[in-house]
Every structure is written in structure tokens, then in C-alpha cells.
N, C-alpha and C. Protein backbone atom coordinates (compact mmCIF):
# COMPACT_ATOMS: atom_id res chain seq x y z
N MET A 1 0.79 -1.13 -0.05
CA MET A 1 0.04 0.02 0.04
C MET A 1 0.91 1.21 -0.07
N SER A 2 1.62 1.45 -1.03
CA SER A 2 2.36 2.49 -1.14
C SER A 2 1.71 3.75 -1.82
N ASN A 3 1.72 4.84 -1.31
CA ASN A 3 1.00 5.99 -1.77
C ASN A 3 1.99 6.93 -2.68
N GLY A 4 3.05 6.30 -3.10
CA GLY A 4 3.94 7.00 -4.08
C GLY A 4 5.08 7.69 -3.45
N LYS A 5 5.20 7.54 -2.05
CA LYS A 5 6.30 8.21 -1.41
C LYS A 5 7.33 7.06 -1.14
N GLN A 6 8.65 7.38 -1.19
CA GLN A 6 9.62 6.40 -1.03
C GLN A 6 10.10 6.74 0.41
N THR A 7 10.36 5.72 1.21
CA THR A 7 10.95 5.96 2.56
C THR A 7 12.38 5.53 2.46
N LYS A 8 13.12 6.29 3.06
CA LYS A 8 14.55 5.90 3.27
C LYS A 8 14.81 5.04 4.54
N THR A 9 15.40 3.93 4.31
CA THR A 9 15.70 3.15 5.42
C THR A 9 17.30 3.24 5.56
N THR A 10 17.71 3.69 6.59
CA THR A 10 19.11 3.81 6.79
C THR A 10 19.45 2.96 7.98
N LYS A 11 20.50 2.20 7.61
CA LYS A 11 21.06 1.28 8.69
C LYS A 11 22.20 1.86 9.49
N LYS A 12 22.12 1.85 10.73
CA LYS A 12 23.07 2.38 11.50
C LYS A 12 24.17 1.30 11.74
N ARG A 13 25.53 1.61 11.51
CA ARG A 13 26.54 0.72 11.57
C ARG A 13 26.76 0.65 13.17
N PRO A 14 26.96 -0.47 13.67
CA PRO A 14 27.39 -0.62 15.07
C PRO A 14 28.70 0.00 15.23
N LEU A 15 28.95 0.65 16.48
CA LEU A 15 30.23 1.11 16.88
C LEU A 15 31.24 0.04 17.02
N PRO A 16 32.42 0.26 16.79
CA PRO A 16 33.40 -0.79 16.98
C PRO A 16 33.54 -1.02 18.61
N LYS A 17 34.03 -2.05 18.84
CA LYS A 17 34.04 -2.61 20.32
C LYS A 17 34.75 -1.68 21.09
N GLY A 18 35.97 -1.11 20.72
CA GLY A 18 36.79 -0.19 21.55
C GLY A 18 35.85 0.95 21.90
N TRP A 19 35.12 1.62 20.84
CA TRP A 19 34.32 2.72 21.22
C TRP A 19 33.21 2.46 22.17
N ARG A 20 32.61 1.29 22.11
CA ARG A 20 31.49 0.94 23.04
C ARG A 20 32.02 0.91 24.42
N ILE A 21 33.34 0.25 24.57
CA ILE A 21 33.97 0.13 25.89
C ILE A 21 34.18 1.53 26.47
N ALA A 22 34.79 2.40 25.53
CA ALA A 22 35.14 3.72 25.97
C ALA A 22 33.87 4.57 26.46
N LEU A 23 32.80 4.41 25.70
CA LEU A 23 31.61 5.16 26.21
C LEU A 23 30.98 4.64 27.46
N ARG A 24 31.08 3.35 27.53
CA ARG A 24 30.48 2.67 28.83
C ARG A 24 31.44 3.21 29.90
N ILE A 25 32.70 3.37 29.82
CA ILE A 25 33.49 3.79 30.86
C ILE A 25 33.13 5.34 31.17
N CYS A 26 33.03 6.05 30.03
CA CYS A 26 32.63 7.47 30.29
C CYS A 26 31.40 7.65 31.06
N ARG A 27 30.45 6.90 30.60
CA ARG A 27 29.11 7.08 31.26
C ARG A 27 29.17 6.57 32.72
N SER A 28 29.95 5.62 33.11
CA SER A 28 30.08 5.23 34.55
C SER A 28 30.92 6.11 35.37
N LEU A 29 31.72 6.91 34.68
CA LEU A 29 32.56 7.82 35.52
C LEU A 29 31.93 9.22 35.69
N ILE A 30 30.98 9.57 34.69
CA ILE A 30 30.48 10.97 34.80
C ILE A 30 29.71 11.35 36.02
N PHE A 31 28.91 10.35 36.47
CA PHE A 31 28.11 10.64 37.55
C PHE A 31 28.85 10.82 38.83
N PRO A 32 29.80 9.88 39.14
CA PRO A 32 30.69 10.17 40.32
C PRO A 32 31.44 11.42 40.25
N LEU A 33 31.91 11.71 39.17
CA LEU A 33 32.66 12.97 38.91
C LEU A 33 31.78 14.07 39.21
N LEU A 34 30.60 14.19 38.65
CA LEU A 34 29.80 15.29 38.86
C LEU A 34 29.36 15.36 40.36
N LEU A 35 29.15 14.18 41.14
CA LEU A 35 29.09 14.33 42.54
C LEU A 35 30.16 14.98 43.33
N ILE A 36 31.31 14.55 42.97
CA ILE A 36 32.57 15.18 43.59
C ILE A 36 32.61 16.69 43.30
N ILE A 37 32.35 17.00 42.13
CA ILE A 37 32.47 18.40 41.76
C ILE A 37 31.49 19.32 42.38
N GLY A 38 30.18 18.62 42.61
CA GLY A 38 29.11 19.23 43.41
C GLY A 38 29.34 19.38 44.89
N LEU A 39 30.11 18.29 45.43
CA LEU A 39 30.48 18.35 46.79
C LEU A 39 31.45 19.40 47.21
N TYR A 40 32.48 19.56 46.28
CA TYR A 40 33.48 20.54 46.48
C TYR A 40 32.88 21.96 46.28
N ALA A 41 31.99 22.16 45.31
CA ALA A 41 31.33 23.49 45.11
C ALA A 41 30.48 23.90 46.27
N GLY A 42 29.80 22.88 46.84
CA GLY A 42 28.92 23.15 48.01
C GLY A 42 29.85 23.41 49.25
N LEU A 43 30.91 22.75 49.45
CA LEU A 43 31.85 22.97 50.60
C LEU A 43 32.36 24.36 50.44
N ARG A 44 32.82 24.77 49.25
CA ARG A 44 33.46 26.12 49.10
C ARG A 44 32.51 27.16 49.12
N ILE A 45 31.32 27.06 48.79
CA ILE A 45 30.23 28.00 48.76
C ILE A 45 29.98 28.20 50.22
N GLY A 46 29.55 27.16 50.89
CA GLY A 46 29.15 27.12 52.33
C GLY A 46 30.25 27.75 53.20
N TYR A 47 31.44 27.36 53.03
CA TYR A 47 32.50 27.88 53.82
C TYR A 47 33.00 29.17 53.65
N VAL A 48 33.18 29.58 52.47
CA VAL A 48 33.75 30.84 51.95
C VAL A 48 32.64 31.90 52.03
N ARG A 49 31.51 31.63 51.29
CA ARG A 49 30.50 32.70 51.04
C ARG A 49 29.68 32.83 52.38
N PHE A 50 29.25 31.82 52.98
CA PHE A 50 28.39 31.99 54.04
C PHE A 50 29.16 31.96 55.37
N GLY A 51 30.22 31.33 55.44
CA GLY A 51 30.98 31.32 56.67
C GLY A 51 32.04 32.30 56.88
N GLY A 52 32.40 32.97 55.73
CA GLY A 52 33.43 33.94 55.78
C GLY A 52 34.77 33.42 55.99
N GLY A 53 35.12 32.14 55.55
CA GLY A 53 36.48 31.54 55.72
C GLY A 53 37.18 31.80 54.69
N ASP A 54 38.54 31.36 54.67
CA ASP A 54 39.53 31.61 53.73
C ASP A 54 39.37 30.37 52.76
N PRO A 55 39.36 30.56 51.35
CA PRO A 55 39.24 29.53 50.35
C PRO A 55 40.30 28.43 50.37
N SER A 56 41.46 28.77 50.80
CA SER A 56 42.46 27.71 50.91
C SER A 56 42.20 26.74 52.08
N ASP A 57 41.34 27.05 53.00
CA ASP A 57 41.18 26.24 54.22
C ASP A 57 40.03 25.28 54.00
N VAL A 58 39.44 25.29 52.79
CA VAL A 58 38.29 24.37 52.57
C VAL A 58 38.61 22.89 52.67
N LEU A 59 39.70 22.54 52.11
CA LEU A 59 40.04 21.23 52.00
C LEU A 59 41.10 20.73 53.11
N GLN A 60 41.21 21.52 54.00
CA GLN A 60 42.26 21.14 55.21
C GLN A 60 41.59 20.38 56.37
N TRP A 61 42.15 19.34 56.76
CA TRP A 61 41.51 18.49 57.82
C TRP A 61 41.22 19.26 59.07
N GLU A 62 42.17 20.13 59.41
CA GLU A 62 42.07 20.79 60.65
C GLU A 62 40.77 21.67 60.77
N THR A 63 40.37 22.24 59.56
CA THR A 63 39.20 23.07 59.55
C THR A 63 37.94 22.28 59.92
N TRP A 64 37.83 21.05 59.26
CA TRP A 64 36.64 20.27 59.46
C TRP A 64 36.67 19.57 60.85
N LYS A 65 37.92 19.32 61.28
CA LYS A 65 38.03 18.67 62.59
C LYS A 65 37.37 19.68 63.73
N HIS A 66 37.87 20.93 63.49
CA HIS A 66 37.41 21.97 64.42
C HIS A 66 35.83 22.08 64.24
N MET A 67 35.31 22.12 63.11
CA MET A 67 33.91 22.28 62.99
C MET A 67 33.22 21.07 63.71
N LEU A 68 33.68 19.79 63.49
CA LEU A 68 33.13 18.72 64.11
C LEU A 68 33.15 18.73 65.68
N ASP A 69 34.35 19.42 66.14
CA ASP A 69 34.34 19.54 67.55
C ASP A 69 33.40 20.59 68.01
N LEU A 70 33.12 21.51 67.37
CA LEU A 70 32.16 22.52 67.67
C LEU A 70 30.76 22.03 67.74
N VAL A 71 30.45 21.10 66.72
CA VAL A 71 29.09 20.55 66.55
C VAL A 71 28.75 19.53 67.64
N PHE A 72 29.80 18.68 67.94
CA PHE A 72 29.58 17.66 68.89
C PHE A 72 30.15 17.89 70.29
N ALA A 73 30.43 19.12 70.55
CA ALA A 73 30.84 19.44 71.93
C ALA A 73 29.82 19.37 72.95
N GLU A 74 30.33 18.80 74.03
CA GLU A 74 29.29 18.75 75.27
C GLU A 74 29.28 20.02 75.94
N ASN A 75 28.15 20.48 76.56
CA ASN A 75 28.05 21.65 77.16
C ASN A 75 28.54 21.56 78.62
């Protein structure tokens, strides 16, 4: 039941095995990478912008140990 229009059927060639493996690795790494970037951005914004701290202190253990001591200190 053709009404005079020709339809193009294009076949997709499958990707080579190396490309499929590379794409799978990229897909599996992008989500954790975005989580780490978001965590760092949140720490930096919260500590520097709202807390008034020095940007170089964001990733130092002493800074966060001090904050944990303040949060869990007993009265």
C-alpha cells in the first residue's frame, strides 16, 4: 500500500568494540565525577561565602575537625 512516497531506510553501523567500551567507561565515571564536583562546590560556597572563611582552608582536615568539635561538643 504505497502511496507514491519512498521511505529511506538507513542502517546504523554498530560502533566498534573499543568505542563501545570507551563510552561505557565515560558513562560510568561521569556521575561520580559530577557528585565530587558538586560536593566541592557546596563546601566552598558554604565555607567561604556563608561562613566567611579563607578559600584555601576548605580542604584542610584541621578546619573540618574544628567544625566537628564545635558541633559535637558537650556543654
